Amino acid sequence: MNKDINKDIYDEVLRALSFLEPINKEKIILSMDSEFLQLFPDFTNEELETILNQMQKEKVLTVSKADNGELLYQKNLPKRSLWQRIKSLF
């Protein structure tokens, strides 16, 4: 797969993830833009898993398990430096 296409898919998966609640793979795919999925009809579950593993290594998302053993994914809030936190107070 081309690196540009892979980056586009990575960005779309990142956009589909939520800060507020952990979601499973099915909800990630359902929250992706339908036009985007039409552009990439060969997008597979294995590619999604690879992208999610890469995001986990980069600490972009957190993985947890549901009661039924299903993996849930949640986007991490970006860390702010001490200077940014002090600056936001004024």
C-alpha atoms as a PDB file:
ATOM      1  CA  MET A   1       0.000   0.000   0.000  1.00  0.00           C
ATOM      2  CA  ASN A   2       1.170   3.513  -0.803  1.00  0.00           C
ATOM      3  CA  LYS A   3       2.432   5.635   2.107  1.00  0.00           C
ATOM      4  CA  ASP A   4       0.116   8.528   1.173  1.00  0.00           C
ATOM      5  CA  ILE A   5      -2.913   6.275   1.184  1.00  0.00           C
ATOM      6  CA  ASN A   6      -1.801   4.748   4.459  1.00  0.00           C
ATOM      7  CA  LYS A   7      -1.499   8.239   5.963  1.00  0.00           C
ATOM      8  CA  ASP A   8      -4.999   9.102   4.733  1.00  0.00           C
ATOM      9  CA  ILE A   9      -6.409   5.962   6.329  1.00  0.00           C
ATOM     10  CA  TYR A  10      -4.463   6.675   9.534  1.00  0.00           C
ATOM     11  CA  ASP A  11      -5.927  10.193   9.702  1.00  0.00           C
ATOM     12  CA  GLU A  12      -9.465   8.938   9.085  1.00  0.00           C
ATOM     13  CA  VAL A  13      -9.164   6.304  11.824  1.00  0.00           C
ATOM     14  CA  LEU A  14      -7.795   8.946  14.181  1.00  0.00           C
ATOM     15  CA  ARG A  15     -10.738  11.212  13.361  1.00  0.00           C
ATOM     16  CA  ALA A  16     -13.171   8.359  14.029  1.00  0.00           C
ATOM     17  CA  LEU A  17     -11.808   7.667  17.522  1.00  0.00           C
ATOM     18  CA  SER A  18     -13.399   9.365  20.512  1.00  0.00           C
ATOM     19  CA  PHE A  19     -11.895  11.200  23.492  1.00  0.00           C
ATOM     20  CA  LEU A  20     -15.021  10.612  25.584  1.00  0.00           C
ATOM     21  CA  GLU A  21     -15.778   6.906  25.361  1.00  0.00           C
ATOM     22  CA  PRO A  22     -13.902   3.769  24.363  1.00  0.00           C
ATOM     23  CA  ILE A  23     -15.269   2.203  21.177  1.00  0.00           C
ATOM     24  CA  ASN A  24     -14.766  -1.121  19.429  1.00  0.00           C
ATOM     25  CA  LYS A  25     -13.577  -1.738  15.862  1.00  0.00           C
ATOM     26  CA  GLU A  26     -17.097  -1.943  14.464  1.00  0.00           C
ATOM     27  CA  LYS A  27     -18.003   1.481  15.839  1.00  0.00           C
ATOM     28  CA  ILE A  28     -14.748   2.895  14.444  1.00  0.00           C
ATOM     29  CA  ILE A  29     -15.675   1.682  10.973  1.00  0.00           C
ATOM     30  CA  LEU A  30     -19.269   2.908  11.353  1.00  0.00           C
ATOM     31  CA  SER A  31     -18.110   6.367  12.402  1.00  0.00           C
ATOM     32  CA  MET A  32     -15.802   6.675   9.386  1.00  0.00           C
ATOM     33  CA  ASP A  33     -17.018   8.799   6.501  1.00  0.00           C
ATOM     34  CA  SER A  34     -18.910   6.722   3.924  1.00  0.00           C
ATOM     35  CA  GLU A  35     -17.330   8.652   1.023  1.00  0.00           C
ATOM     36  CA  PHE A  36     -13.910   7.847   2.413  1.00  0.00           C
ATOM     37  CA  LEU A  37     -14.769   4.142   2.617  1.00  0.00           C
ATOM     38  CA  GLN A  38     -15.934   4.239  -0.985  1.00  0.00           C
ATOM     39  CA  LEU A  39     -12.557   5.661  -2.002  1.00  0.00           C
ATOM     40  CA  PHE A  40     -10.808   2.731  -0.274  1.00  0.00           C
ATOM     41  CA  PRO A  41     -12.972  -0.335  -0.960  1.00  0.00           C
ATOM     42  CA  ASP A  42     -10.051  -2.676  -0.236  1.00  0.00           C
ATOM     43  CA  PHE A  43      -9.657  -1.383   3.351  1.00  0.00           C
ATOM     44  CA  THR A  44      -9.515  -4.503   5.529  1.00  0.00           C
ATOM     45  CA  ASN A  45      -9.847  -5.389   9.176  1.00  0.00           C
ATOM     46  CA  GLU A  46      -6.150  -6.354   9.231  1.00  0.00           C
ATOM     47  CA  GLU A  47      -5.163  -2.860   8.065  1.00  0.00           C
ATOM     48  CA  LEU A  48      -7.351  -1.348  10.769  1.00  0.00           C
ATOM     49  CA  GLU A  49      -5.686  -3.569  13.357  1.00  0.00           C
ATOM     50  CA  THR A  50      -2.221  -2.566  12.102  1.00  0.00           C
ATOM     51  CA  ILE A  51      -3.107   1.126  12.314  1.00  0.00           C
ATOM     52  CA  LEU A  52      -4.571   0.733  15.815  1.00  0.00           C
ATOM     53  CA  ASN A  53      -1.426  -1.116  16.977  1.00  0.00           C
ATOM     54  CA  GLN A  54       0.744   1.638  15.512  1.00  0.00           C
ATOM     55  CA  MET A  55      -1.333   4.295  17.298  1.00  0.00           C
ATOM     56  CA  GLN A  56      -1.002   2.376  20.549  1.00  0.00           C
ATOM     57  CA  LYS A  57       2.805   2.285  20.172  1.00  0.00           C
ATOM     58  CA  GLU A  58       2.786   6.049  19.500  1.00  0.00           C
ATOM     59  CA  LYS A  59       0.599   6.500  22.629  1.00  0.00           C
ATOM     60  CA  VAL A  60      -2.133   8.201  20.606  1.00  0.00           C
ATOM     61  CA  LEU A  61      -4.764   5.853  21.993  1.00  0.00           C
ATOM     62  CA  THR A  62      -5.465   3.656  24.978  1.00  0.00           C
ATOM     63  CA  VAL A  63      -6.704   0.082  24.707  1.00  0.00           C
ATOM     64  CA  SER A  64      -8.997  -1.453  27.320  1.00  0.00           C
ATOM     65  CA  LYS A  65     -11.127  -4.580  27.526  1.00  0.00           C
ATOM     66  CA  ALA A  66     -14.894  -4.744  27.844  1.00  0.00           C
ATOM     67  CA  ASP A  67     -16.625  -7.226  30.140  1.00  0.00           C
ATOM     68  CA  ASN A  68     -17.113  -9.601  27.216  1.00  0.00           C
ATOM     69  CA  GLY A  69     -13.370  -9.523  26.367  1.00  0.00           C
ATOM     70  CA  GLU A  70     -13.710  -7.212  23.371  1.00  0.00           C
ATOM     71  CA  LEU A  71     -10.964  -4.607  22.884  1.00  0.00           C
ATOM     72  CA  LEU A  72     -12.029  -0.971  23.189  1.00  0.00           C
ATOM     73  CA  TYR A  73     -10.047   1.983  21.847  1.00  0.00           C
ATOM     74  CA  GLN A  74     -10.034   5.562  23.144  1.00  0.00           C
ATOM     75  CA  LYS A  75      -8.057   8.527  21.884  1.00  0.00           C
ATOM     76  CA  ASN A  76      -5.684  10.113  24.423  1.00  0.00           C
ATOM     77  CA  LEU A  77      -5.805  13.808  25.142  1.00  0.00           C
ATOM     78  CA  PRO A  78      -2.622  15.537  23.999  1.00  0.00           C
ATOM     79  CA  LYS A  79      -0.322  16.367  26.863  1.00  0.00           C
ATOM     80  CA  ARG A  80       0.266  20.022  27.534  1.00  0.00           C
ATOM     81  CA  SER A  81       3.509  21.394  28.830  1.00  0.00           C
ATOM     82  CA  LEU A  82       3.774  23.196  32.144  1.00  0.00           C
ATOM     83  CA  TRP A  83       4.108  26.497  30.302  1.00  0.00           C
ATOM     84  CA  GLN A  84       0.890  25.895  28.347  1.00  0.00           C
ATOM     85  CA  ARG A  85      -1.028  25.076  31.523  1.00  0.00           C
ATOM     86  CA  ILE A  86       0.233  28.211  33.299  1.00  0.00           C
ATOM     87  CA  LYS A  87      -0.487  30.354  30.233  1.00  0.00           C
ATOM     88  CA  SER A  88      -4.089  29.108  30.075  1.00  0.00           C
ATOM     89  CA  LEU A  89      -4.728  30.420  33.585  1.00  0.00           C
ATOM     90  CA  PHE A  90      -4.257  34.042  32.495  1.00  0.00           C
END
